PDB file of N, CA and C in Angstrom:
ATOM      1  N   MET A   1       8.237   1.999 -21.284  1.00  0.00           N
ATOM      2  CA  MET A   1       7.467   1.652 -21.529  1.00  0.00           C
ATOM      3  C   MET A   1       6.252   1.219 -20.538  1.00  0.00           C
ATOM      4  N   PRO A   2       5.288   1.817 -20.709  1.00  0.00           N
ATOM      5  CA  PRO A   2       4.163   1.551 -19.142  1.00  0.00           C
ATOM      6  C   PRO A   2       3.939   0.020 -19.121  1.00  0.00           C
ATOM      7  N   LYS A   3       3.554  -0.344 -18.095  1.00  0.00           N
ATOM      8  CA  LYS A   3       3.552  -1.854 -17.846  1.00  0.00           C
ATOM      9  C   LYS A   3       1.898  -1.699 -16.965  1.00  0.00           C
ATOM     10  N   GLU A   4       1.214  -2.644 -17.450  1.00  0.00           N
ATOM     11  CA  GLU A   4      -0.183  -2.884 -16.870  1.00  0.00           C
ATOM     12  C   GLU A   4      -0.007  -3.971 -15.945  1.00  0.00           C
ATOM     13  N   ILE A   5      -0.700  -3.901 -14.918  1.00  0.00           N
ATOM     14  CA  ILE A   5      -0.525  -5.013 -13.969  1.00  0.00           C
ATOM     15  C   ILE A   5      -2.187  -4.756 -13.118  1.00  0.00           C
ATOM     16  N   ASP A   6      -2.820  -6.026 -13.427  1.00  0.00           N
ATOM     17  CA  ASP A   6      -4.201  -6.043 -12.636  1.00  0.00           C
ATOM     18  C   ASP A   6      -4.729  -4.714 -12.884  1.00  0.00           C
ATOM     19  N   GLY A   7      -4.914  -4.410 -14.040  1.00  0.00           N
ATOM     20  CA  GLY A   7      -5.709  -3.132 -14.662  1.00  0.00           C
ATOM     21  C   GLY A   7      -5.042  -1.894 -14.219  1.00  0.00           C
ATOM     22  N   LYS A   8      -4.069  -1.598 -13.559  1.00  0.00           N
ATOM     23  CA  LYS A   8      -3.427  -0.580 -13.474  1.00  0.00           C
ATOM     24  C   LYS A   8      -2.300  -0.251 -14.032  1.00  0.00           C
ATOM     25  N   THR A   9      -2.083   1.107 -14.519  1.00  0.00           N
ATOM     26  CA  THR A   9      -0.847   1.412 -15.341  1.00  0.00           C
ATOM     27  C   THR A   9       0.365   1.787 -14.614  1.00  0.00           C
ATOM     28  N   PHE A  10       1.689   1.232 -14.955  1.00  0.00           N
ATOM     29  CA  PHE A  10       2.697   1.697 -14.208  1.00  0.00           C
ATOM     30  C   PHE A  10       3.879   2.305 -15.110  1.00  0.00           C
ATOM     31  N   HIS A  11       4.188   3.405 -14.819  1.00  0.00           N
ATOM     32  CA  HIS A  11       5.505   3.832 -15.706  1.00  0.00           C
ATOM     33  C   HIS A  11       6.983   4.010 -15.009  1.00  0.00           C
ATOM     34  N   GLU A  12       7.912   3.871 -15.950  1.00  0.00           N
ATOM     35  CA  GLU A  12       9.188   4.035 -15.333  1.00  0.00           C
ATOM     36  C   GLU A  12       9.392   5.364 -14.895  1.00  0.00           C
ATOM     37  N   ALA A  13      10.314   5.565 -14.169  1.00  0.00           N
ATOM     38  CA  ALA A  13      10.549   7.089 -13.578  1.00  0.00           C
ATOM     39  C   ALA A  13      10.891   7.851 -14.719  1.00  0.00           C
ATOM     40  N   HIS A  14      11.819   7.389 -15.900  1.00  0.00           N
ATOM     41  CA  HIS A  14      12.194   8.213 -17.113  1.00  0.00           C
ATOM     42  C   HIS A  14      10.756   8.725 -17.967  1.00  0.00           C
ATOM     43  N   GLU A  15       9.642   7.917 -17.782  1.00  0.00           N
ATOM     44  CA  GLU A  15       8.570   8.074 -18.609  1.00  0.00           C
ATOM     45  C   GLU A  15       7.485   9.288 -17.992  1.00  0.00           C
ATOM     46  N   VAL A  16       7.744   9.617 -16.753  1.00  0.00           N
ATOM     47  CA  VAL A  16       7.114  10.749 -16.107  1.00  0.00           C
ATOM     48  C   VAL A  16       7.128  11.890 -16.845  1.00  0.00           C
ATOM     49  N   GLU A  17       6.196  12.532 -17.178  1.00  0.00           N
ATOM     50  CA  GLU A  17       6.222  13.681 -17.893  1.00  0.00           C
ATOM     51  C   GLU A  17       6.657  14.964 -16.817  1.00  0.00           C
ATOM     52  N   ASP A  18       6.020  14.953 -15.551  1.00  0.00           N
ATOM     53  CA  ASP A  18       6.557  16.193 -14.555  1.00  0.00           C
ATOM     54  C   ASP A  18       6.910  15.357 -13.651  1.00  0.00           C
ATOM     55  N   PRO A  19       8.410  15.042 -13.426  1.00  0.00           N
ATOM     56  CA  PRO A  19       9.076  14.337 -11.988  1.00  0.00           C
ATOM     57  C   PRO A  19       9.121  15.482 -11.013  1.00  0.00           C
ATOM     58  N   LEU A  20       9.510  14.819  -9.889  1.00  0.00           N
ATOM     59  CA  LEU A  20       9.658  15.575  -8.612  1.00  0.00           C
ATOM     60  C   LEU A  20      11.117  16.301  -8.869  1.00  0.00           C
ATOM     61  N   THR A  21      10.948  17.380  -8.516  1.00  0.00           N
ATOM     62  CA  THR A  21      12.479  18.197  -8.305  1.00  0.00           C
ATOM     63  C   THR A  21      13.141  17.487  -6.938  1.00  0.00           C
ATOM     64  N   GLU A  22      14.570  17.714  -6.833  1.00  0.00           N
ATOM     65  CA  GLU A  22      15.214  17.128  -5.927  1.00  0.00           C
ATOM     66  C   GLU A  22      14.982  17.647  -4.428  1.00  0.00           C
ATOM     67  N   GLU A  23      14.330  18.895  -4.426  1.00  0.00           N
ATOM     68  CA  GLU A  23      13.894  19.390  -3.112  1.00  0.00           C
ATOM     69  C   GLU A  23      12.411  18.817  -2.608  1.00  0.00           C
ATOM     70  N   GLN A  24      11.622  18.702  -3.642  1.00  0.00           N
ATOM     71  CA  GLN A  24      10.375  17.672  -3.401  1.00  0.00           C
ATOM     72  C   GLN A  24      10.820  16.177  -2.685  1.00  0.00           C
ATOM     73  N   LYS A  25      11.767  15.720  -3.573  1.00  0.00           N
ATOM     74  CA  LYS A  25      12.133  14.251  -3.271  1.00  0.00           C
ATOM     75  C   LYS A  25      12.598  14.369  -2.000  1.00  0.00           C
ATOM     76  N   ALA A  26      13.422  15.386  -1.217  1.00  0.00           N
ATOM     77  CA  ALA A  26      14.025  15.487  -0.054  1.00  0.00           C
ATOM     78  C   ALA A  26      12.908  15.871   0.838  1.00  0.00           C
ATOM     79  N   GLU A  27      12.041  16.614   0.526  1.00  0.00           N
ATOM     80  CA  GLU A  27      10.835  16.753   1.584  1.00  0.00           C
ATOM     81  C   GLU A  27      10.194  15.488   1.619  1.00  0.00           C
ATOM     82  N   THR A  28       9.714  14.787   0.677  1.00  0.00           N
ATOM     83  CA  THR A  28       9.036  13.580   0.903  1.00  0.00           C
ATOM     84  C   THR A  28       9.683  12.470   1.684  1.00  0.00           C
ATOM     85  N   LEU A  29      11.142  12.425   1.362  1.00  0.00           N
ATOM     86  CA  LEU A  29      11.910  11.525   2.210  1.00  0.00           C
ATOM     87  C   LEU A  29      11.834  11.914   3.682  1.00  0.00           C
ATOM     88  N   ALA A  30      11.897  13.178   4.031  1.00  0.00           N
ATOM     89  CA  ALA A  30      11.767  13.787   5.639  1.00  0.00           C
ATOM     90  C   ALA A  30      10.329  13.466   6.139  1.00  0.00           C
ATOM     91  N   LEU A  31       9.477  13.467   5.329  1.00  0.00           N
ATOM     92  CA  LEU A  31       7.857  13.055   5.813  1.00  0.00           C
ATOM     93  C   LEU A  31       7.873  11.691   6.217  1.00  0.00           C
ATOM     94  N   VAL A  32       8.386  10.868   5.517  1.00  0.00           N
ATOM     95  CA  VAL A  32       8.400   9.186   5.638  1.00  0.00           C
ATOM     96  C   VAL A  32       9.441   8.943   6.744  1.00  0.00           C
ATOM     97  N   ALA A  33      10.534   9.750   6.922  1.00  0.00           N
ATOM     98  CA  ALA A  33      11.234   9.476   8.212  1.00  0.00           C
ATOM     99  C   ALA A  33      10.652   9.743   9.375  1.00  0.00           C
ATOM    100  N   GLU A  34       9.774  10.923   9.237  1.00  0.00           N
ATOM    101  CA  GLU A  34       9.064  11.311  10.365  1.00  0.00           C
ATOM    102  C   GLU A  34       8.080  10.354  10.736  1.00  0.00           C
ATOM    103  N   PHE A  35       7.344   9.794   9.771  1.00  0.00           N
ATOM    104  CA  PHE A  35       6.301   8.895  10.299  1.00  0.00           C
ATOM    105  C   PHE A  35       6.912   7.622  10.732  1.00  0.00           C
ATOM    106  N   ASP A  36       8.212   6.920  10.186  1.00  0.00           N
ATOM    107  CA  ASP A  36       8.793   5.800  10.602  1.00  0.00           C
ATOM    108  C   ASP A  36       9.471   6.043  11.945  1.00  0.00           C
ATOM    109  N   ARG A  37       9.543   7.369  12.363  1.00  0.00           N
ATOM    110  CA  ARG A  37      10.242   7.754  13.790  1.00  0.00           C
ATOM    111  C   ARG A  37       8.923   7.534  14.539  1.00  0.00           C
ATOM    112  N   ILE A  38       7.728   8.140  14.292  1.00  0.00           N
ATOM    113  CA  ILE A  38       6.529   7.896  15.110  1.00  0.00           C
ATOM    114  C   ILE A  38       6.084   6.862  15.184  1.00  0.00           C
ATOM    115  N   ARG A  39       5.976   5.834  14.240  1.00  0.00           N
ATOM    116  CA  ARG A  39       5.578   4.341  14.222  1.00  0.00           C
ATOM    117  C   ARG A  39       6.470   3.606  15.136  1.00  0.00           C
ATOM    118  N   ASP A  40       7.647   3.680  14.835  1.00  0.00           N
ATOM    119  CA  ASP A  40       8.422   2.816  15.521  1.00  0.00           C
ATOM    120  C   ASP A  40       8.684   3.430  17.218  1.00  0.00           C
ATOM    121  N   ALA A  41       8.175   4.601  17.538  1.00  0.00           N
ATOM    122  CA  ALA A  41       7.996   4.823  18.916  1.00  0.00           C
ATOM    123  C   ALA A  41       6.746   4.102  19.691  1.00  0.00           C
ATOM    124  N   ILE A  42       5.792   3.392  18.742  1.00  0.00           N
ATOM    125  CA  ILE A  42       4.428   3.081  19.380  1.00  0.00           C
ATOM    126  C   ILE A  42       5.085   1.533  20.221  1.00  0.00           C
ATOM    127  N   PRO A  43       4.842   1.339  21.401  1.00  0.00           N
ATOM    128  CA  PRO A  43       4.989  -0.050  21.923  1.00  0.00           C
ATOM    129  C   PRO A  43       4.361  -1.049  21.384  1.00  0.00           C
ATOM    130  N   PRO A  44       5.130  -2.156  21.190  1.00  0.00           N
ATOM    131  CA  PRO A  44       4.396  -3.523  20.571  1.00  0.00           C
ATOM    132  C   PRO A  44       3.029  -3.779  20.884  1.00  0.00           C
ATOM    133  N   ASP A  45       2.628  -3.627  22.467  1.00  0.00           N
ATOM    134  CA  ASP A  45       1.480  -3.922  22.782  1.00  0.00           C
ATOM    135  C   ASP A  45       0.345  -2.688  22.418  1.00  0.00           C
ATOM    136  N   GLN A  46       0.495  -1.895  21.839  1.00  0.00           N
ATOM    137  CA  GLN A  46      -0.459  -0.995  21.446  1.00  0.00           C
ATOM    138  C   GLN A  46      -0.580  -0.984  19.921  1.00  0.00           C
ATOM    139  N   LEU A  47       0.350  -1.936  19.021  1.00  0.00           N
ATOM    140  CA  LEU A  47       0.310  -1.851  17.694  1.00  0.00           C
ATOM    141  C   LEU A  47      -1.123  -2.669  17.231  1.00  0.00           C
ATOM    142  N   ARG A  48      -1.341  -2.338  16.146  1.00  0.00           N
ATOM    143  CA  ARG A  48      -2.767  -3.085  15.509  1.00  0.00           C
ATOM    144  C   ARG A  48      -2.588  -3.082  14.194  1.00  0.00           C
ATOM    145  N   HIS A  49      -3.223  -4.047  13.612  1.00  0.00           N
ATOM    146  CA  HIS A  49      -3.325  -4.297  12.159  1.00  0.00           C
ATOM    147  C   HIS A  49      -4.322  -3.069  11.476  1.00  0.00           C
ATOM    148  N   LEU A  50      -3.558  -2.725  10.309  1.00  0.00           N
ATOM    149  CA  LEU A  50      -4.498  -1.655   9.463  1.00  0.00           C
ATOM    150  C   LEU A  50      -5.600  -2.630   8.843  1.00  0.00           C
ATOM    151  N   PRO A  51      -6.614  -1.906   8.537  1.00  0.00           N
ATOM    152  CA  PRO A  51      -7.746  -2.863   7.975  1.00  0.00           C
ATOM    153  C   PRO A  51      -6.975  -2.764   6.390  1.00  0.00           C
ATOM    154  N   ASP A  52      -7.732  -3.868   5.297  1.00  0.00           N
ATOM    155  CA  ASP A  52      -7.545  -3.945   4.087  1.00  0.00           C
ATOM    156  C   ASP A  52      -7.520  -2.687   3.417  1.00  0.00           C
ATOM    157  N   LYS A  53      -8.303  -1.977   3.797  1.00  0.00           N
ATOM    158  CA  LYS A  53      -8.807  -0.731   3.023  1.00  0.00           C
ATOM    159  C   LYS A  53      -7.376   0.090   2.597  1.00  0.00           C
ATOM    160  N   TYR A  54      -6.345   0.084   3.462  1.00  0.00           N
ATOM    161  CA  TYR A  54      -5.100   0.613   3.125  1.00  0.00           C
ATOM    162  C   TYR A  54      -3.969  -0.161   2.448  1.00  0.00           C
ATOM    163  N   GLY A  55      -4.774  -1.072   1.405  1.00  0.00           N
ATOM    164  CA  GLY A  55      -3.981  -1.528   0.204  1.00  0.00           C
ATOM    165  C   GLY A  55      -4.307  -2.652  -0.350  1.00  0.00           C
ATOM    166  N   ASP A  56      -4.721  -3.555   0.348  1.00  0.00           N
ATOM    167  CA  ASP A  56      -5.122  -5.002  -0.265  1.00  0.00           C
ATOM    168  C   ASP A  56      -6.454  -4.637  -1.190  1.00  0.00           C
ATOM    169  N   GLU A  57      -7.345  -3.900  -0.914  1.00  0.00           N
ATOM    170  CA  GLU A  57      -8.456  -3.439  -1.625  1.00  0.00           C
ATOM    171  C   GLU A  57      -8.416  -2.903  -3.163  1.00  0.00           C
ATOM    172  N   ASP A  58      -6.969  -2.721  -3.276  1.00  0.00           N
ATOM    173  CA  ASP A  58      -6.558  -2.492  -4.788  1.00  0.00           C
ATOM    174  C   ASP A  58      -7.086  -3.603  -5.712  1.00  0.00           C
ATOM    175  N   ARG A  59      -7.050  -4.867  -5.413  1.00  0.00           N
ATOM    176  CA  ARG A  59      -7.313  -5.779  -6.103  1.00  0.00           C
ATOM    177  C   ARG A  59      -8.957  -5.779  -6.602  1.00  0.00           C
ATOM    178  N   LEU A  60      -9.807  -5.212  -5.856  1.00  0.00           N
ATOM    179  CA  LEU A  60     -11.104  -4.970  -6.206  1.00  0.00           C
ATOM    180  C   LEU A  60     -11.540  -4.366  -7.629  1.00  0.00           C
ATOM    181  N   GLY A  61     -12.134  -5.047  -8.264  1.00  0.00           N
ATOM    182  CA  GLY A  61     -12.516  -4.567  -9.732  1.00  0.00           C
ATOM    183  C   GLY A  61     -11.410  -5.273 -10.839  1.00  0.00           C
ATOM    184  N   THR A  62     -10.733  -5.967 -10.455  1.00  0.00           N
ATOM    185  CA  THR A  62      -9.536  -6.294 -11.151  1.00  0.00           C
ATOM    186  C   THR A  62      -9.902  -7.944 -11.416  1.00  0.00           C
ATOM    187  N   SER A  63      -8.972  -8.547 -12.305  1.00  0.00           N
ATOM    188  CA  SER A  63      -9.225 -10.000 -12.499  1.00  0.00           C
ATOM    189  C   SER A  63      -8.789 -10.800 -11.339  1.00  0.00           C
ATOM    190  N   LYS A  64      -8.189 -10.152 -10.296  1.00  0.00           N
ATOM    191  CA  LYS A  64      -7.764 -11.019  -9.052  1.00  0.00           C
ATOM    192  C   LYS A  64      -8.756 -10.649  -8.038  1.00  0.00           C
ATOM    193  N   GLU A  65      -9.772 -10.164  -8.090  1.00  0.00           N
ATOM    194  CA  GLU A  65     -11.053  -9.782  -7.231  1.00  0.00           C
ATOM    195  C   GLU A  65     -11.586 -11.048  -6.523  1.00  0.00           C
ATOM    196  N   ALA A  66     -11.948 -12.052  -7.328  1.00  0.00           N
ATOM    197  CA  ALA A  66     -12.237 -13.328  -6.608  1.00  0.00           C
ATOM    198  C   ALA A  66     -11.268 -13.915  -5.654  1.00  0.00           C
ATOM    199  N   GLU A  67     -10.056 -14.069  -6.131  1.00  0.00           N
ATOM    200  CA  GLU A  67      -9.142 -14.472  -5.339  1.00  0.00           C
ATOM    201  C   GLU A  67      -8.911 -13.771  -4.047  1.00  0.00           C
ATOM    202  N   TYR A  68      -8.919 -12.648  -4.073  1.00  0.00           N
ATOM    203  CA  TYR A  68      -8.790 -11.470  -2.875  1.00  0.00           C
ATOM    204  C   TYR A  68      -9.895 -11.828  -2.057  1.00  0.00           C
ATOM    205  N   LEU A  69     -11.154 -12.083  -2.618  1.00  0.00           N
ATOM    206  CA  LEU A  69     -12.538 -12.073  -1.551  1.00  0.00           C
ATOM    207  C   LEU A  69     -12.224 -13.474  -0.890  1.00  0.00           C
ATOM    208  N   ALA A  70     -11.793 -14.374  -1.684  1.00  0.00           N
ATOM    209  CA  ALA A  70     -11.527 -16.000  -0.949  1.00  0.00           C
ATOM    210  C   ALA A  70     -10.524 -15.717  -0.189  1.00  0.00           C
ATOM    211  N   GLU A  71      -9.347 -14.812  -0.225  1.00  0.00           N
ATOM    212  CA  GLU A  71      -8.505 -15.019   0.787  1.00  0.00           C
ATOM    213  C   GLU A  71      -9.166 -14.368   2.146  1.00  0.00           C
ATOM    214  N   VAL A  72      -9.726 -13.298   1.945  1.00  0.00           N
ATOM    215  CA  VAL A  72     -10.522 -12.687   2.939  1.00  0.00           C
ATOM    216  C   VAL A  72     -11.337 -13.552   3.822  1.00  0.00           C
ATOM    217  N   GLU A  73     -12.074 -14.379   3.043  1.00  0.00           N
ATOM    218  CA  GLU A  73     -12.699 -15.299   3.716  1.00  0.00           C
ATOM    219  C   GLU A  73     -12.192 -16.246   4.738  1.00  0.00           C
ATOM    220  N   ARG A  74     -10.810 -16.760   3.975  1.00  0.00           N
ATOM    221  CA  ARG A  74      -9.993 -17.632   4.768  1.00  0.00           C
ATOM    222  C   ARG A  74      -9.392 -17.000   6.074  1.00  0.00           C
ATOM    223  N   ARG A  75      -9.009 -15.684   5.921  1.00  0.00           N
ATOM    224  CA  ARG A  75      -8.365 -14.988   6.948  1.00  0.00           C
ATOM    225  C   ARG A  75      -9.350 -14.868   7.938  1.00  0.00           C
ATOM    226  N   LYS A  76     -10.887 -14.678   7.800  1.00  0.00           N
ATOM    227  CA  LYS A  76     -11.864 -14.604   8.724  1.00  0.00           C
ATOM    228  C   LYS A  76     -11.882 -15.621   9.632  1.00  0.00           C
ATOM    229  N   GLU A  77     -12.053 -16.737   8.795  1.00  0.00           N
ATOM    230  CA  GLU A  77     -11.673 -18.203   9.449  1.00  0.00           C
ATOM    231  C   GLU A  77     -10.979 -18.398  10.609  1.00  0.00           C
ATOM    232  N   ARG A  78      -9.586 -17.693  10.233  1.00  0.00           N
ATOM    233  CA  ARG A  78      -8.797 -17.819  11.181  1.00  0.00           C
ATOM    234  C   ARG A  78      -8.517 -16.941  12.040  1.00  0.00           C
ATOM    235  N   GLY A  79      -9.322 -16.051  11.960  1.00  0.00           N
ATOM    236  CA  GLY A  79      -9.344 -14.893  13.123  1.00  0.00           C
ATOM    237  C   GLY A  79      -8.423 -13.705  12.806  1.00  0.00           C
ATOM    238  N   GLU A  80      -7.964 -13.781  11.593  1.00  0.00           N
ATOM    239  CA  GLU A  80      -6.605 -12.776  10.984  1.00  0.00           C
ATOM    240  C   GLU A  80      -7.312 -11.625  10.234  1.00  0.00           C
ATOM    241  N   TYR A  81      -8.511 -11.382  10.207  1.00  0.00           N
ATOM    242  CA  TYR A  81      -9.075 -10.405   9.564  1.00  0.00           C
ATOM    243  C   TYR A  81      -9.770  -9.163  10.466  1.00  0.00           C
ATOM    244  N   TRP A  82      -9.173  -8.022  10.145  1.00  0.00           N
ATOM    245  CA  TRP A  82      -9.664  -6.854  11.005  1.00  0.00           C
ATOM    246  C   TRP A  82     -10.360  -5.913  10.126  1.00  0.00           C
ATOM    247  N   GLY A  83     -10.684  -6.116   8.789  1.00  0.00           N
ATOM    248  CA  GLY A  83     -11.091  -5.091   7.866  1.00  0.00           C
ATOM    249  C   GLY A  83     -12.373  -4.806   8.087  1.00  0.00           C
TER     250      GLY A  83
END
């Protein structure tokens, strides 16, 4: 049964109408492994924080938007916000 979390609907794997083939799954896992290999090769002194637009902003437009924006302001005050 689909589950709604913060205005977004999530389905169980068996509920998907057009599931990935084993070949598609293997290709996706190979792409992720290649990404991990490249990411792990970056020296620690060259790492940087990804802006919030790569995940955290999913809460905008939901019931948790005010909580998210307040947390952003707290992080800015601490110098921990790069968005």
